Amino acid sequence: MEITQIKSAVLKQIAAKLEKREQLMAQLEVLDQEIASLQSGGKEPSSKTKATKIIAGTGKKRGAVKDLIIAELKAAGEKGTTVADMAKKLNRDGKNLHAWFHNIGKKIPNIKRIGRGILRWD
């Protein structure tokens, strides 16, 4: 039977079966990698690490910036610190920290603005 004589419904079924086969092959490859890891003494990946979920592609834990900022504000004491100083100490872009304070920081009641661009932890 030539490909020009195959009906479109049959072609759709063939395409669906091929797609399913590709998915199963990918799952098989993942299983092979896990088996190899276990054989070499590695641990099986845990699916119960919801609190320490890693952001895809960055390798950083969720909430890491928040923890850094709070630690820096606590270290600054009563005098507080500016966003620019925090950006230098934390090696972050000042614009990103300003955006963080505008969106997330305003929801944290312990962060107080004590002057123009000066923040502290109460």
PDB file of N, CA and C in Angstrom:
ATOM      1  N   MET A   1       0.846  -1.181   0.000  1.00  0.00           N
ATOM      2  CA  MET A   1       0.000   0.000   0.000  1.00  0.00           C
ATOM      3  C   MET A   1       0.891   1.243   0.000  1.00  0.00           C
ATOM      4  N   GLU A   2       0.588   2.155  -0.875  1.00  0.00           N
ATOM      5  CA  GLU A   2       1.365   3.383  -0.988  1.00  0.00           C
ATOM      6  C   GLU A   2       0.836   4.425  -0.008  1.00  0.00           C
ATOM      7  N   ILE A   3       1.697   5.358   0.349  1.00  0.00           N
ATOM      8  CA  ILE A   3       1.321   6.388   1.320  1.00  0.00           C
ATOM      9  C   ILE A   3       0.233   7.306   0.763  1.00  0.00           C
ATOM     10  N   THR A   4       0.145   7.434  -0.528  1.00  0.00           N
ATOM     11  CA  THR A   4      -0.882   8.294  -1.128  1.00  0.00           C
ATOM     12  C   THR A   4      -2.264   7.670  -1.043  1.00  0.00           C
ATOM     13  N   GLN A   5      -2.326   6.361  -0.780  1.00  0.00           N
ATOM     14  CA  GLN A   5      -3.612   5.665  -0.710  1.00  0.00           C
ATOM     15  C   GLN A   5      -4.125   5.514   0.725  1.00  0.00           C
ATOM     16  N   ILE A   6      -3.337   5.927   1.705  1.00  0.00           N
ATOM     17  CA  ILE A   6      -3.750   5.807   3.104  1.00  0.00           C
ATOM     18  C   ILE A   6      -4.703   6.948   3.435  1.00  0.00           C
ATOM     19  N   LYS A   7      -5.780   6.627   4.126  1.00  0.00           N
ATOM     20  CA  LYS A   7      -6.774   7.631   4.494  1.00  0.00           C
ATOM     21  C   LYS A   7      -6.247   8.489   5.644  1.00  0.00           C
ATOM     22  N   SER A   8      -6.784   9.704   5.742  1.00  0.00           N
ATOM     23  CA  SER A   8      -6.306  10.642   6.760  1.00  0.00           C
ATOM     24  C   SER A   8      -6.574  10.135   8.172  1.00  0.00           C
ATOM     25  N   ALA A   9      -7.669   9.430   8.407  1.00  0.00           N
ATOM     26  CA  ALA A   9      -7.976   8.897   9.741  1.00  0.00           C
ATOM     27  C   ALA A   9      -6.920   7.884  10.166  1.00  0.00           C
ATOM     28  N   VAL A  10      -6.477   7.065   9.219  1.00  0.00           N
ATOM     29  CA  VAL A  10      -5.437   6.073   9.519  1.00  0.00           C
ATOM     30  C   VAL A  10      -4.110   6.774   9.788  1.00  0.00           C
ATOM     31  N   LEU A  11      -3.827   7.830   9.024  1.00  0.00           N
ATOM     32  CA  LEU A  11      -2.591   8.591   9.258  1.00  0.00           C
ATOM     33  C   LEU A  11      -2.584   9.225  10.651  1.00  0.00           C
ATOM     34  N   LYS A  12      -3.738   9.720  11.075  1.00  0.00           N
ATOM     35  CA  LYS A  12      -3.834  10.311  12.414  1.00  0.00           C
ATOM     36  C   LYS A  12      -3.576   9.259  13.489  1.00  0.00           C
ATOM     37  N   GLN A  13      -4.109   8.059  13.272  1.00  0.00           N
ATOM     38  CA  GLN A  13      -3.888   6.978  14.236  1.00  0.00           C
ATOM     39  C   GLN A  13      -2.408   6.592  14.288  1.00  0.00           C
ATOM     40  N   ILE A  14      -1.793   6.529  13.131  1.00  0.00           N
ATOM     41  CA  ILE A  14      -0.364   6.196  13.075  1.00  0.00           C
ATOM     42  C   ILE A  14       0.454   7.270  13.796  1.00  0.00           C
ATOM     43  N   ALA A  15       0.118   8.535  13.555  1.00  0.00           N
ATOM     44  CA  ALA A  15       0.837   9.633  14.200  1.00  0.00           C
ATOM     45  C   ALA A  15       0.672   9.576  15.716  1.00  0.00           C
ATOM     46  N   ALA A  16      -0.533   9.274  16.182  1.00  0.00           N
ATOM     47  CA  ALA A  16      -0.777   9.179  17.623  1.00  0.00           C
ATOM     48  C   ALA A  16       0.030   8.047  18.233  1.00  0.00           C
ATOM     49  N   LYS A  17       0.084   6.903  17.535  1.00  0.00           N
ATOM     50  CA  LYS A  17       0.856   5.748  18.036  1.00  0.00           C
ATOM     51  C   LYS A  17       2.351   6.070  18.074  1.00  0.00           C
ATOM     52  N   LEU A  18       2.837   6.758  17.050  1.00  0.00           N
ATOM     53  CA  LEU A  18       4.256   7.137  17.032  1.00  0.00           C
ATOM     54  C   LEU A  18       4.590   8.109  18.163  1.00  0.00           C
ATOM     55  N   GLU A  19       3.700   9.045  18.417  1.00  0.00           N
ATOM     56  CA  GLU A  19       3.895  10.005  19.503  1.00  0.00           C
ATOM     57  C   GLU A  19       3.931   9.289  20.855  1.00  0.00           C
ATOM     58  N   LYS A  20       3.016   8.359  21.043  1.00  0.00           N
ATOM     59  CA  LYS A  20       2.980   7.595  22.288  1.00  0.00           C
ATOM     60  C   LYS A  20       4.258   6.782  22.450  1.00  0.00           C
ATOM     61  N   ARG A  21       4.754   6.206  21.334  1.00  0.00           N
ATOM     62  CA  ARG A  21       5.997   5.434  21.394  1.00  0.00           C
ATOM     63  C   ARG A  21       7.169   6.320  21.811  1.00  0.00           C
ATOM     64  N   GLU A  22       7.220   7.553  21.305  1.00  0.00           N
ATOM     65  CA  GLU A  22       8.288   8.489  21.676  1.00  0.00           C
ATOM     66  C   GLU A  22       8.228   8.820  23.162  1.00  0.00           C
ATOM     67  N   GLN A  23       7.021   9.028  23.685  1.00  0.00           N
ATOM     68  CA  GLN A  23       6.868   9.320  25.108  1.00  0.00           C
ATOM     69  C   GLN A  23       7.332   8.146  25.960  1.00  0.00           C
ATOM     70  N   LEU A  24       6.961   6.949  25.549  1.00  0.00           N
ATOM     71  CA  LEU A  24       7.373   5.755  26.290  1.00  0.00           C
ATOM     72  C   LEU A  24       8.887   5.549  26.229  1.00  0.00           C
ATOM     73  N   MET A  25       9.482   5.860  25.092  1.00  0.00           N
ATOM     74  CA  MET A  25      10.938   5.751  24.960  1.00  0.00           C
ATOM     75  C   MET A  25      11.633   6.750  25.885  1.00  0.00           C
ATOM     76  N   ALA A  26      11.082   7.953  26.002  1.00  0.00           N
ATOM     77  CA  ALA A  26      11.663   8.954  26.900  1.00  0.00           C
ATOM     78  C   ALA A  26      11.550   8.493  28.350  1.00  0.00           C
ATOM     79  N   GLN A  27      10.405   7.914  28.711  1.00  0.00           N
ATOM     80  CA  GLN A  27      10.234   7.402  30.072  1.00  0.00           C
ATOM     81  C   GLN A  27      11.198   6.256  30.340  1.00  0.00           C
ATOM     82  N   LEU A  28      11.405   5.408  29.337  1.00  0.00           N
ATOM     83  CA  LEU A  28      12.340   4.292  29.479  1.00  0.00           C
ATOM     84  C   LEU A  28      13.762   4.804  29.685  1.00  0.00           C
ATOM     85  N   GLU A  29      14.127   5.859  28.983  1.00  0.00           N
ATOM     86  CA  GLU A  29      15.463   6.438  29.143  1.00  0.00           C
ATOM     87  C   GLU A  29      15.647   6.994  30.560  1.00  0.00           C
ATOM     88  N   VAL A  30      14.629   7.661  31.090  1.00  0.00           N
ATOM     89  CA  VAL A  30      14.698   8.183  32.457  1.00  0.00           C
ATOM     90  C   VAL A  30      14.863   7.041  33.452  1.00  0.00           C
ATOM     91  N   LEU A  31      14.109   5.980  33.261  1.00  0.00           N
ATOM     92  CA  LEU A  31      14.227   4.815  34.145  1.00  0.00           C
ATOM     93  C   LEU A  31      15.620   4.199  34.066  1.00  0.00           C
ATOM     94  N   ASP A  32      16.174   4.108  32.868  1.00  0.00           N
ATOM     95  CA  ASP A  32      17.533   3.577  32.711  1.00  0.00           C
ATOM     96  C   ASP A  32      18.547   4.432  33.458  1.00  0.00           C
ATOM     97  N   GLN A  33      18.388   5.758  33.398  1.00  0.00           N
ATOM     98  CA  GLN A  33      19.305   6.658  34.114  1.00  0.00           C
ATOM     99  C   GLN A  33      19.171   6.480  35.620  1.00  0.00           C
ATOM    100  N   GLU A  34      17.947   6.337  36.123  1.00  0.00           N
ATOM    101  CA  GLU A  34      17.740   6.136  37.558  1.00  0.00           C
ATOM    102  C   GLU A  34      18.339   4.812  38.019  1.00  0.00           C
ATOM    103  N   ILE A  35      18.189   3.778  37.200  1.00  0.00           N
ATOM    104  CA  ILE A  35      18.762   2.470  37.547  1.00  0.00           C
ATOM    105  C   ILE A  35      20.285   2.564  37.591  1.00  0.00           C
ATOM    106  N   ALA A  36      20.870   3.237  36.610  1.00  0.00           N
ATOM    107  CA  ALA A  36      22.320   3.401  36.586  1.00  0.00           C
ATOM    108  C   ALA A  36      22.802   4.197  37.793  1.00  0.00           C
ATOM    109  N   SER A  37      22.034   5.218  38.178  1.00  0.00           N
ATOM    110  CA  SER A  37      22.394   6.024  39.345  1.00  0.00           C
ATOM    111  C   SER A  37      22.352   5.192  40.619  1.00  0.00           C
ATOM    112  N   LEU A  38      21.321   4.363  40.760  1.00  0.00           N
ATOM    113  CA  LEU A  38      21.208   3.511  41.945  1.00  0.00           C
ATOM    114  C   LEU A  38      22.313   2.462  41.985  1.00  0.00           C
ATOM    115  N   GLN A  39      22.689   1.946  40.837  1.00  0.00           N
ATOM    116  CA  GLN A  39      23.743   0.938  40.792  1.00  0.00           C
ATOM    117  C   GLN A  39      25.103   1.531  41.140  1.00  0.00           C
ATOM    118  N   SER A  40      25.286   2.816  40.837  1.00  0.00           N
ATOM    119  CA  SER A  40      26.567   3.450  41.136  1.00  0.00           C
ATOM    120  C   SER A  40      26.602   4.037  42.548  1.00  0.00           C
ATOM    121  N   GLY A  41      25.596   3.767  43.345  1.00  0.00           N
ATOM    122  CA  GLY A  41      25.586   4.214  44.738  1.00  0.00           C
ATOM    123  C   GLY A  41      24.842   5.503  44.983  1.00  0.00           C
ATOM    124  N   GLY A  42      24.214   6.054  43.968  1.00  0.00           N
ATOM    125  CA  GLY A  42      23.458   7.293  44.140  1.00  0.00           C
ATOM    126  C   GLY A  42      22.123   7.024  44.796  1.00  0.00           C
ATOM    127  N   LYS A  43      21.465   8.100  45.206  1.00  0.00           N
ATOM    128  CA  LYS A  43      20.142   7.986  45.823  1.00  0.00           C
ATOM    129  C   LYS A  43      19.071   8.180  44.778  1.00  0.00           C
ATOM    130  N   GLU A  44      17.914   7.595  45.053  1.00  0.00           N
ATOM    131  CA  GLU A  44      16.757   7.792  44.183  1.00  0.00           C
ATOM    132  C   GLU A  44      16.208   9.182  44.460  1.00  0.00           C
ATOM    133  N   PRO A  45      15.864   9.945  43.423  1.00  0.00           N
ATOM    134  CA  PRO A  45      15.332  11.278  43.655  1.00  0.00           C
ATOM    135  C   PRO A  45      14.025  11.228  44.440  1.00  0.00           C
ATOM    136  N   SER A  46      13.920  12.100  45.427  1.00  0.00           N
ATOM    137  CA  SER A  46      12.729  12.141  46.269  1.00  0.00           C
ATOM    138  C   SER A  46      11.711  13.094  45.674  1.00  0.00           C
ATOM    139  N   SER A  47      10.461  12.702  45.696  1.00  0.00           N
ATOM    140  CA  SER A  47       9.411  13.570  45.175  1.00  0.00           C
ATOM    141  C   SER A  47       8.725  14.340  46.296  1.00  0.00           C
ATOM    142  N   LYS A  48       9.225  14.204  47.516  1.00  0.00           N
ATOM    143  CA  LYS A  48       8.572  14.840  48.652  1.00  0.00           C
ATOM    144  C   LYS A  48       9.287  16.104  49.113  1.00  0.00           C
ATOM    145  N   THR A  49      10.079  16.718  48.257  1.00  0.00           N
ATOM    146  CA  THR A  49      10.818  17.913  48.635  1.00  0.00           C
ATOM    147  C   THR A  49      10.111  19.166  48.129  1.00  0.00           C
ATOM    148  N   LYS A  50       8.847  19.280  48.419  1.00  0.00           N
ATOM    149  CA  LYS A  50       8.053  20.409  47.929  1.00  0.00           C
ATOM    150  C   LYS A  50       8.557  21.736  48.494  1.00  0.00           C
ATOM    151  N   ALA A  51       8.950  21.761  49.760  1.00  0.00           N
ATOM    152  CA  ALA A  51       9.388  23.008  50.390  1.00  0.00           C
ATOM    153  C   ALA A  51      10.712  23.494  49.825  1.00  0.00           C
ATOM    154  N   THR A  52      11.544  22.594  49.350  1.00  0.00           N
ATOM    155  CA  THR A  52      12.840  22.985  48.803  1.00  0.00           C
ATOM    156  C   THR A  52      12.877  22.781  47.297  1.00  0.00           C
ATOM    157  N   LYS A  53      11.779  23.062  46.659  1.00  0.00           N
ATOM    158  CA  LYS A  53      11.673  22.888  45.221  1.00  0.00           C
ATOM    159  C   LYS A  53      12.683  23.798  44.524  1.00  0.00           C
ATOM    160  N   ILE A  54      13.382  23.249  43.574  1.00  0.00           N
ATOM    161  CA  ILE A  54      14.389  23.991  42.846  1.00  0.00           C
ATOM    162  C   ILE A  54      13.741  24.607  41.601  1.00  0.00           C
ATOM    163  N   ILE A  55      14.047  25.866  41.375  1.00  0.00           N
ATOM    164  CA  ILE A  55      13.524  26.544  40.199  1.00  0.00           C
ATOM    165  C   ILE A  55      14.252  25.997  38.982  1.00  0.00           C
ATOM    166  N   ALA A  56      13.517  25.634  37.973  1.00  0.00           N
ATOM    167  CA  ALA A  56      14.106  24.997  36.793  1.00  0.00           C
ATOM    168  C   ALA A  56      15.111  25.921  36.131  1.00  0.00           C
ATOM    169  N   GLY A  57      16.282  25.388  35.886  1.00  0.00           N
ATOM    170  CA  GLY A  57      17.293  26.122  35.152  1.00  0.00           C
ATOM    171  C   GLY A  57      18.188  27.014  35.984  1.00  0.00           C
ATOM    172  N   THR A  58      17.805  27.378  37.180  1.00  0.00           N
ATOM    173  CA  THR A  58      18.632  28.297  37.953  1.00  0.00           C
ATOM    174  C   THR A  58      19.376  27.614  39.070  1.00  0.00           C
ATOM    175  N   GLY A  59      18.845  26.511  39.592  1.00  0.00           N
ATOM    176  CA  GLY A  59      19.513  25.809  40.675  1.00  0.00           C
ATOM    177  C   GLY A  59      19.395  26.520  42.001  1.00  0.00           C
ATOM    178  N   LYS A  60      18.446  27.425  42.141  1.00  0.00           N
ATOM    179  CA  LYS A  60      18.282  28.173  43.386  1.00  0.00           C
ATOM    180  C   LYS A  60      16.954  27.811  44.028  1.00  0.00           C
ATOM    181  N   LYS A  61      16.932  27.812  45.356  1.00  0.00           N
ATOM    182  CA  LYS A  61      15.707  27.483  46.066  1.00  0.00           C
ATOM    183  C   LYS A  61      14.736  28.651  46.008  1.00  0.00           C
ATOM    184  N   ARG A  62      13.467  28.331  46.051  1.00  0.00           N
ATOM    185  CA  ARG A  62      12.439  29.360  46.072  1.00  0.00           C
ATOM    186  C   ARG A  62      12.546  30.141  47.382  1.00  0.00           C
ATOM    187  N   GLY A  63      12.422  31.454  47.307  1.00  0.00           N
ATOM    188  CA  GLY A  63      12.479  32.279  48.505  1.00  0.00           C
ATOM    189  C   GLY A  63      13.886  32.636  48.939  1.00  0.00           C
ATOM    190  N   ALA A  64      14.879  32.305  48.144  1.00  0.00           N
ATOM    191  CA  ALA A  64      16.265  32.571  48.530  1.00  0.00           C
ATOM    192  C   ALA A  64      16.535  34.069  48.594  1.00  0.00           C
ATOM    193  N   VAL A  65      15.989  34.836  47.670  1.00  0.00           N
ATOM    194  CA  VAL A  65      16.194  36.288  47.678  1.00  0.00           C
ATOM    195  C   VAL A  65      15.557  36.892  48.919  1.00  0.00           C
ATOM    196  N   LYS A  66      14.389  36.423  49.275  1.00  0.00           N
ATOM    197  CA  LYS A  66      13.704  36.920  50.465  1.00  0.00           C
ATOM    198  C   LYS A  66      14.564  36.695  51.700  1.00  0.00           C
ATOM    199  N   ASP A  67      15.124  35.503  51.828  1.00  0.00           N
ATOM    200  CA  ASP A  67      15.969  35.204  52.988  1.00  0.00           C
ATOM    201  C   ASP A  67      17.199  36.096  53.017  1.00  0.00           C
ATOM    202  N   LEU A  68      17.808  36.334  51.859  1.00  0.00           N
ATOM    203  CA  LEU A  68      18.982  37.202  51.796  1.00  0.00           C
ATOM    204  C   LEU A  68      18.642  38.633  52.193  1.00  0.00           C
ATOM    205  N   ILE A  69      17.528  39.132  51.689  1.00  0.00           N
ATOM    206  CA  ILE A  69      17.128  40.514  51.989  1.00  0.00           C
ATOM    207  C   ILE A  69      16.815  40.676  53.469  1.00  0.00           C
ATOM    208  N   ILE A  70      16.067  39.743  54.029  1.00  0.00           N
ATOM    209  CA  ILE A  70      15.715  39.833  55.455  1.00  0.00           C
ATOM    210  C   ILE A  70      16.970  39.771  56.315  1.00  0.00           C
ATOM    211  N   ALA A  71      17.904  38.894  55.963  1.00  0.00           N
ATOM    212  CA  ALA A  71      19.150  38.803  56.725  1.00  0.00           C
ATOM    213  C   ALA A  71      19.929  40.112  56.644  1.00  0.00           C
ATOM    214  N   GLU A  72      19.953  40.723  55.484  1.00  0.00           N
ATOM    215  CA  GLU A  72      20.671  41.987  55.311  1.00  0.00           C
ATOM    216  C   GLU A  72      19.990  43.115  56.094  1.00  0.00           C
ATOM    217  N   LEU A  73      18.657  43.149  56.087  1.00  0.00           N
ATOM    218  CA  LEU A  73      17.944  44.175  56.851  1.00  0.00           C
ATOM    219  C   LEU A  73      18.165  43.996  58.355  1.00  0.00           C
ATOM    220  N   LYS A  74      18.183  42.765  58.811  1.00  0.00           N
ATOM    221  CA  LYS A  74      18.437  42.510  60.234  1.00  0.00           C
ATOM    222  C   LYS A  74      19.854  42.919  60.606  1.00  0.00           C
ATOM    223  N   ALA A  75      20.801  42.665  59.723  1.00  0.00           N
ATOM    224  CA  ALA A  75      22.198  43.023  59.988  1.00  0.00           C
ATOM    225  C   ALA A  75      22.389  44.538  60.001  1.00  0.00           C
ATOM    226  N   ALA A  76      21.566  45.264  59.247  1.00  0.00           N
ATOM    227  CA  ALA A  76      21.697  46.723  59.180  1.00  0.00           C
ATOM    228  C   ALA A  76      21.287  47.391  60.488  1.00  0.00           C
ATOM    229  N   GLY A  77      20.439  46.745  61.260  1.00  0.00           N
ATOM    230  CA  GLY A  77      20.041  47.287  62.563  1.00  0.00           C
ATOM    231  C   GLY A  77      19.062  48.434  62.471  1.00  0.00           C
ATOM    232  N   GLU A  78      19.108  49.311  63.484  1.00  0.00           N
ATOM    233  CA  GLU A  78      18.158  50.421  63.593  1.00  0.00           C
ATOM    234  C   GLU A  78      18.343  51.464  62.496  1.00  0.00           C
ATOM    235  N   LYS A  79      19.579  51.648  62.023  1.00  0.00           N
ATOM    236  CA  LYS A  79      19.843  52.658  61.001  1.00  0.00           C
ATOM    237  C   LYS A  79      19.245  52.268  59.657  1.00  0.00           C
ATOM    238  N   GLY A  80      19.093  50.986  59.440  1.00  0.00           N
ATOM    239  CA  GLY A  80      18.547  50.519  58.176  1.00  0.00           C
ATOM    240  C   GLY A  80      19.588  50.565  57.071  1.00  0.00           C
ATOM    241  N   THR A  81      19.150  50.324  55.875  1.00  0.00           N
ATOM    242  CA  THR A  81      20.041  50.325  54.715  1.00  0.00           C
ATOM    243  C   THR A  81      19.254  50.722  53.474  1.00  0.00           C
ATOM    244  N   THR A  82      19.979  51.124  52.456  1.00  0.00           N
ATOM    245  CA  THR A  82      19.326  51.493  51.208  1.00  0.00           C
ATOM    246  C   THR A  82      19.301  50.292  50.266  1.00  0.00           C
ATOM    247  N   VAL A  83      18.436  50.374  49.286  1.00  0.00           N
ATOM    248  CA  VAL A  83      18.330  49.300  48.310  1.00  0.00           C
ATOM    249  C   VAL A  83      19.626  49.207  47.502  1.00  0.00           C
ATOM    250  N   ALA A  84      20.241  50.347  47.208  1.00  0.00           N
ATOM    251  CA  ALA A  84      21.488  50.343  46.448  1.00  0.00           C
ATOM    252  C   ALA A  84      22.596  49.629  47.214  1.00  0.00           C
ATOM    253  N   ASP A  85      22.694  49.882  48.522  1.00  0.00           N
ATOM    254  CA  ASP A  85      23.701  49.201  49.338  1.00  0.00           C
ATOM    255  C   ASP A  85      23.441  47.698  49.388  1.00  0.00           C
ATOM    256  N   MET A  86      22.168  47.328  49.534  1.00  0.00           N
ATOM    257  CA  MET A  86      21.818  45.906  49.561  1.00  0.00           C
ATOM    258  C   MET A  86      22.164  45.248  48.230  1.00  0.00           C
ATOM    259  N   ALA A  87      21.916  45.951  47.133  1.00  0.00           N
ATOM    260  CA  ALA A  87      22.204  45.392  45.812  1.00  0.00           C
ATOM    261  C   ALA A  87      23.698  45.107  45.672  1.00  0.00           C
ATOM    262  N   LYS A  88      24.527  46.008  46.165  1.00  0.00           N
ATOM    263  CA  LYS A  88      25.973  45.796  46.095  1.00  0.00           C
ATOM    264  C   LYS A  88      26.397  44.624  46.969  1.00  0.00           C
ATOM    265  N   LYS A  89      25.889  44.570  48.207  1.00  0.00           N
ATOM    266  CA  LYS A  89      26.284  43.513  49.140  1.00  0.00           C
ATOM    267  C   LYS A  89      25.777  42.144  48.708  1.00  0.00           C
ATOM    268  N   LEU A  90      24.578  42.105  48.126  1.00  0.00           N
ATOM    269  CA  LEU A  90      23.981  40.833  47.723  1.00  0.00           C
ATOM    270  C   LEU A  90      24.328  40.460  46.281  1.00  0.00           C
ATOM    271  N   ASN A  91      25.062  41.351  45.606  1.00  0.00           N
ATOM    272  CA  ASN A  91      25.451  41.117  44.217  1.00  0.00           C
ATOM    273  C   ASN A  91      24.222  40.899  43.333  1.00  0.00           C
ATOM    274  N   ARG A  92      23.251  41.777  43.480  1.00  0.00           N
ATOM    275  CA  ARG A  92      22.002  41.728  42.702  1.00  0.00           C
ATOM    276  C   ARG A  92      21.803  43.055  41.996  1.00  0.00           C
ATOM    277  N   ASP A  93      20.950  43.058  41.015  1.00  0.00           N
ATOM    278  CA  ASP A  93      20.614  44.281  40.301  1.00  0.00           C
ATOM    279  C   ASP A  93      19.663  45.113  41.158  1.00  0.00           C
ATOM    280  N   GLY A  94      19.963  46.399  41.300  1.00  0.00           N
ATOM    281  CA  GLY A  94      19.146  47.276  42.127  1.00  0.00           C
ATOM    282  C   GLY A  94      17.712  47.374  41.644  1.00  0.00           C
ATOM    283  N   LYS A  95      17.518  47.349  40.327  1.00  0.00           N
ATOM    284  CA  LYS A  95      16.156  47.426  39.775  1.00  0.00           C
ATOM    285  C   LYS A  95      15.332  46.211  40.199  1.00  0.00           C
ATOM    286  N   ASN A  96      15.983  45.054  40.221  1.00  0.00           N
ATOM    287  CA  ASN A  96      15.263  43.851  40.630  1.00  0.00           C
ATOM    288  C   ASN A  96      14.877  43.919  42.108  1.00  0.00           C
ATOM    289  N   LEU A  97      15.765  44.472  42.940  1.00  0.00           N
ATOM    290  CA  LEU A  97      15.430  44.599  44.368  1.00  0.00           C
ATOM    291  C   LEU A  97      14.310  45.613  44.582  1.00  0.00           C
ATOM    292  N   HIS A  98      14.348  46.713  43.831  1.00  0.00           N
ATOM    293  CA  HIS A  98      13.250  47.689  43.930  1.00  0.00           C
ATOM    294  C   HIS A  98      11.925  47.027  43.554  1.00  0.00           C
ATOM    295  N   ALA A  99      11.941  46.249  42.486  1.00  0.00           N
ATOM    296  CA  ALA A  99      10.727  45.547  42.063  1.00  0.00           C
ATOM    297  C   ALA A  99      10.298  44.545  43.129  1.00  0.00           C
ATOM    298  N   TRP A 100      11.267  43.856  43.752  1.00  0.00           N
ATOM    299  CA  TRP A 100      10.948  42.889  44.804  1.00  0.00           C
ATOM    300  C   TRP A 100      10.260  43.597  45.971  1.00  0.00           C
ATOM    301  N   PHE A 101      10.796  44.736  46.403  1.00  0.00           N
ATOM    302  CA  PHE A 101      10.176  45.465  47.510  1.00  0.00           C
ATOM    303  C   PHE A 101       8.801  45.973  47.137  1.00  0.00           C
ATOM    304  N   HIS A 102       8.631  46.385  45.892  1.00  0.00           N
ATOM    305  CA  HIS A 102       7.331  46.901  45.469  1.00  0.00           C
ATOM    306  C   HIS A 102       6.275  45.803  45.432  1.00  0.00           C
ATOM    307  N   ASN A 103       6.650  44.606  44.990  1.00  0.00           N
ATOM    308  CA  ASN A 103       5.682  43.525  44.829  1.00  0.00           C
ATOM    309  C   ASN A 103       5.563  42.623  46.049  1.00  0.00           C
ATOM    310  N   ILE A 104       6.677  42.184  46.589  1.00  0.00           N
ATOM    311  CA  ILE A 104       6.667  41.190  47.651  1.00  0.00           C
ATOM    312  C   ILE A 104       6.946  41.814  49.011  1.00  0.00           C
ATOM    313  N   GLY A 105       7.897  42.733  49.035  1.00  0.00           N
ATOM    314  CA  GLY A 105       8.304  43.342  50.299  1.00  0.00           C
ATOM    315  C   GLY A 105       7.195  44.087  51.010  1.00  0.00           C
ATOM    316  N   LYS A 106       6.275  44.653  50.247  1.00  0.00           N
ATOM    317  CA  LYS A 106       5.185  45.396  50.878  1.00  0.00           C
ATOM    318  C   LYS A 106       4.234  44.482  51.650  1.00  0.00           C
ATOM    319  N   LYS A 107       4.280  43.180  51.364  1.00  0.00           N
ATOM    320  CA  LYS A 107       3.407  42.227  52.058  1.00  0.00           C
ATOM    321  C   LYS A 107       4.017  41.733  53.369  1.00  0.00           C
ATOM    322  N   ILE A 108       5.266  42.096  53.635  1.00  0.00           N
ATOM    323  CA  ILE A 108       5.946  41.667  54.857  1.00  0.00           C
ATOM    324  C   ILE A 108       5.877  42.829  55.850  1.00  0.00           C
ATOM    325  N   PRO A 109       5.106  42.671  56.922  1.00  0.00           N
ATOM    326  CA  PRO A 109       4.876  43.806  57.819  1.00  0.00           C
ATOM    327  C   PRO A 109       6.118  44.257  58.594  1.00  0.00           C
ATOM    328  N   ASN A 110       7.119  43.433  58.742  1.00  0.00           N
ATOM    329  CA  ASN A 110       8.303  43.808  59.516  1.00  0.00           C
ATOM    330  C   ASN A 110       9.260  44.705  58.749  1.00  0.00           C
ATOM    331  N   ILE A 111       9.090  44.825  57.455  1.00  0.00           N
ATOM    332  CA  ILE A 111       9.946  45.713  56.668  1.00  0.00           C
ATOM    333  C   ILE A 111       9.339  47.111  56.725  1.00  0.00           C
ATOM    334  N   LYS A 112      10.104  48.038  57.284  1.00  0.00           N
ATOM    335  CA  LYS A 112       9.625  49.417  57.458  1.00  0.00           C
ATOM    336  C   LYS A 112      10.472  50.369  56.638  1.00  0.00           C
ATOM    337  N   ARG A 113       9.821  51.334  56.036  1.00  0.00           N
ATOM    338  CA  ARG A 113      10.528  52.412  55.342  1.00  0.00           C
ATOM    339  C   ARG A 113      10.724  53.538  56.352  1.00  0.00           C
ATOM    340  N   ILE A 114      11.980  53.901  56.569  1.00  0.00           N
ATOM    341  CA  ILE A 114      12.263  54.938  57.571  1.00  0.00           C
ATOM    342  C   ILE A 114      12.739  56.222  56.923  1.00  0.00           C
ATOM    343  N   GLY A 115      12.823  56.236  55.641  1.00  0.00           N
ATOM    344  CA  GLY A 115      13.235  57.420  54.912  1.00  0.00           C
ATOM    345  C   GLY A 115      13.175  57.126  53.438  1.00  0.00           C
ATOM    346  N   ARG A 116      13.576  58.109  52.668  1.00  0.00           N
ATOM    347  CA  ARG A 116      13.533  57.930  51.216  1.00  0.00           C
ATOM    348  C   ARG A 116      14.565  56.879  50.798  1.00  0.00           C
ATOM    349  N   GLY A 117      14.082  55.717  50.428  1.00  0.00           N
ATOM    350  CA  GLY A 117      14.960  54.631  49.978  1.00  0.00           C
ATOM    351  C   GLY A 117      15.691  53.911  51.089  1.00  0.00           C
ATOM    352  N   ILE A 118      15.325  54.182  52.356  1.00  0.00           N
ATOM    353  CA  ILE A 118      15.984  53.533  53.485  1.00  0.00           C
ATOM    354  C   ILE A 118      14.978  52.590  54.146  1.00  0.00           C
ATOM    355  N   LEU A 119      15.413  51.357  54.339  1.00  0.00           N
ATOM    356  CA  LEU A 119      14.542  50.333  54.899  1.00  0.00           C
ATOM    357  C   LEU A 119      15.203  49.692  56.111  1.00  0.00           C
ATOM    358  N   ARG A 120      14.392  49.170  56.994  1.00  0.00           N
ATOM    359  CA  ARG A 120      14.935  48.426  58.146  1.00  0.00           C
ATOM    360  C   ARG A 120      13.954  47.339  58.539  1.00  0.00           C
ATOM    361  N   TRP A 121      14.449  46.435  59.363  1.00  0.00           N
ATOM    362  CA  TRP A 121      13.647  45.313  59.874  1.00  0.00           C
ATOM    363  C   TRP A 121      13.227  45.643  61.292  1.00  0.00           C
ATOM    364  N   ASP A 122      11.934  45.602  61.567  1.00  0.00           N
ATOM    365  CA  ASP A 122      11.436  45.852  62.926  1.00  0.00           C
ATOM    366  C   ASP A 122      11.033  44.549  63.583  1.00  0.00           C
TER     367      ASP A 122
END
